[in-house]
Amino acid sequence: MRHNFDIEIDLHGCHVDEAIRRIESVLYRPKSQSILVIHGHGTGTLRKAVREFVASNSYVREFVLGEDMNFPGGDGVVIIYT
């Protein structure tokens, strides 16, 4: 199964503040319609922060959790639609 996204962001190794800044840097760009965010599994701190940010951001039209669509990476990814 092949998936194409306008942008892919890998947040492995990022602290929460840096991860949010990286998402913001692409989220507010025109023409970004689908963004694959790879936050990984880890302790769950980054996953929780990223998902809370995405859920509360007005630029996000819709988002899908990787585990909800059996996406490779499962609960280590989120797909954002702007």
C-alpha atoms as a PDB file:
ATOM      1  CA  MET A   1       0.000   0.000   0.000  1.00  0.00           C
ATOM      2  CA  ARG A   2       1.521   3.333  -1.075  1.00  0.00           C
ATOM      3  CA  HIS A   3       0.507   6.642   0.473  1.00  0.00           C
ATOM      4  CA  ASN A   4       1.379  10.072  -0.817  1.00  0.00           C
ATOM      5  CA  PHE A   5       1.403  13.145   1.366  1.00  0.00           C
ATOM      6  CA  ASP A   6       2.228  16.727   0.514  1.00  0.00           C
ATOM      7  CA  ILE A   7       4.610  16.880   3.478  1.00  0.00           C
ATOM      8  CA  GLU A   8       6.148  14.329   5.828  1.00  0.00           C
ATOM      9  CA  ILE A   9       7.643  15.357   9.177  1.00  0.00           C
ATOM     10  CA  ASP A  10       9.712  12.982  11.299  1.00  0.00           C
ATOM     11  CA  LEU A  11       9.830  14.190  14.897  1.00  0.00           C
ATOM     12  CA  HIS A  12      12.004  11.420  16.333  1.00  0.00           C
ATOM     13  CA  GLY A  13      14.432  12.928  18.828  1.00  0.00           C
ATOM     14  CA  CYS A  14      12.541  16.228  19.176  1.00  0.00           C
ATOM     15  CA  HIS A  15      11.441  17.769  22.435  1.00  0.00           C
ATOM     16  CA  VAL A  16       7.796  18.849  22.589  1.00  0.00           C
ATOM     17  CA  ASP A  17       8.460  22.554  21.939  1.00  0.00           C
ATOM     18  CA  GLU A  18      10.660  21.821  18.938  1.00  0.00           C
ATOM     19  CA  ALA A  19       8.139  19.307  17.558  1.00  0.00           C
ATOM     20  CA  ILE A  20       5.276  21.808  17.760  1.00  0.00           C
ATOM     21  CA  ARG A  21       7.403  24.479  16.038  1.00  0.00           C
ATOM     22  CA  ARG A  22       8.228  22.042  13.232  1.00  0.00           C
ATOM     23  CA  ILE A  23       4.545  21.221  12.732  1.00  0.00           C
ATOM     24  CA  GLU A  24       3.622  24.912  12.794  1.00  0.00           C
ATOM     25  CA  SER A  25       6.286  25.683  10.195  1.00  0.00           C
ATOM     26  CA  VAL A  26       4.473  23.538   7.625  1.00  0.00           C
ATOM     27  CA  LEU A  27       0.910  23.783   8.894  1.00  0.00           C
ATOM     28  CA  TYR A  28       0.628  27.482   8.129  1.00  0.00           C
ATOM     29  CA  ARG A  29       2.040  27.202   4.602  1.00  0.00           C
ATOM     30  CA  PRO A  30      -0.334  27.560   1.693  1.00  0.00           C
ATOM     31  CA  LYS A  31      -0.653  24.449  -0.438  1.00  0.00           C
ATOM     32  CA  SER A  32      -0.060  22.020   2.446  1.00  0.00           C
ATOM     33  CA  GLN A  33      -3.073  19.783   2.236  1.00  0.00           C
ATOM     34  CA  SER A  34      -1.903  16.517   3.755  1.00  0.00           C
ATOM     35  CA  ILE A  35       0.842  16.184   6.323  1.00  0.00           C
ATOM     36  CA  LEU A  36       2.147  12.902   7.707  1.00  0.00           C
ATOM     37  CA  VAL A  37       3.553  13.484  11.192  1.00  0.00           C
ATOM     38  CA  ILE A  38       5.747  10.697  12.557  1.00  0.00           C
ATOM     39  CA  HIS A  39       6.094  11.196  16.302  1.00  0.00           C
ATOM     40  CA  GLY A  40       6.972   7.632  17.199  1.00  0.00           C
ATOM     41  CA  HIS A  41       5.976   5.571  20.207  1.00  0.00           C
ATOM     42  CA  GLY A  42       8.513   6.380  22.939  1.00  0.00           C
ATOM     43  CA  THR A  43       7.137   7.253  26.352  1.00  0.00           C
ATOM     44  CA  GLY A  44       3.995   8.785  24.858  1.00  0.00           C
ATOM     45  CA  THR A  45       4.819  12.365  25.907  1.00  0.00           C
ATOM     46  CA  LEU A  46       5.460  13.597  22.363  1.00  0.00           C
ATOM     47  CA  ARG A  47       2.513  11.640  20.944  1.00  0.00           C
ATOM     48  CA  LYS A  48       0.149  13.192  23.500  1.00  0.00           C
ATOM     49  CA  ALA A  49       1.437  16.743  22.949  1.00  0.00           C
ATOM     50  CA  VAL A  50       1.316  16.481  19.144  1.00  0.00           C
ATOM     51  CA  ARG A  51      -2.192  15.063  19.151  1.00  0.00           C
ATOM     52  CA  GLU A  52      -3.476  17.703  21.580  1.00  0.00           C
ATOM     53  CA  PHE A  53      -1.938  20.449  19.452  1.00  0.00           C
ATOM     54  CA  VAL A  54      -3.448  19.049  16.257  1.00  0.00           C
ATOM     55  CA  ALA A  55      -6.881  18.587  17.837  1.00  0.00           C
ATOM     56  CA  SER A  56      -7.026  22.184  19.052  1.00  0.00           C
ATOM     57  CA  ASN A  57      -5.530  23.962  16.016  1.00  0.00           C
ATOM     58  CA  SER A  58      -7.928  25.894  13.795  1.00  0.00           C
ATOM     59  CA  TYR A  59      -5.740  25.344  10.701  1.00  0.00           C
ATOM     60  CA  VAL A  60      -6.402  21.608  10.922  1.00  0.00           C
ATOM     61  CA  ARG A  61      -9.519  20.709   8.969  1.00  0.00           C
ATOM     62  CA  GLU A  62      -9.304  17.041   9.893  1.00  0.00           C
ATOM     63  CA  PHE A  63      -6.811  14.583  11.329  1.00  0.00           C
ATOM     64  CA  VAL A  64      -6.591  10.817  11.421  1.00  0.00           C
ATOM     65  CA  LEU A  65      -4.696   8.755  13.961  1.00  0.00           C
ATOM     66  CA  GLY A  66      -2.515   6.060  12.442  1.00  0.00           C
ATOM     67  CA  GLU A  67      -4.034   3.323  14.575  1.00  0.00           C
ATOM     68  CA  ASP A  68      -7.572   4.270  13.508  1.00  0.00           C
ATOM     69  CA  MET A  69      -6.841   3.461   9.878  1.00  0.00           C
ATOM     70  CA  ASN A  70      -4.358   0.635  10.401  1.00  0.00           C
ATOM     71  CA  PHE A  71      -1.656   2.868   8.913  1.00  0.00           C
ATOM     72  CA  PRO A  72       1.975   1.709   8.999  1.00  0.00           C
ATOM     73  CA  GLY A  73       3.446   3.052  12.225  1.00  0.00           C
ATOM     74  CA  GLY A  74       0.119   2.662  14.024  1.00  0.00           C
ATOM     75  CA  ASP A  75      -0.119   4.936  17.047  1.00  0.00           C
ATOM     76  CA  GLY A  76       3.257   6.467  16.157  1.00  0.00           C
ATOM     77  CA  VAL A  77       1.785   8.646  13.388  1.00  0.00           C
ATOM     78  CA  VAL A  78      -0.966  11.175  12.755  1.00  0.00           C
ATOM     79  CA  ILE A  79      -2.170  12.470   9.388  1.00  0.00           C
ATOM     80  CA  ILE A  80      -3.252  16.111   9.206  1.00  0.00           C
ATOM     81  CA  TYR A  81      -5.512  17.600   6.524  1.00  0.00           C
ATOM     82  CA  THR A  82      -5.639  21.376   6.148  1.00  0.00           C
END
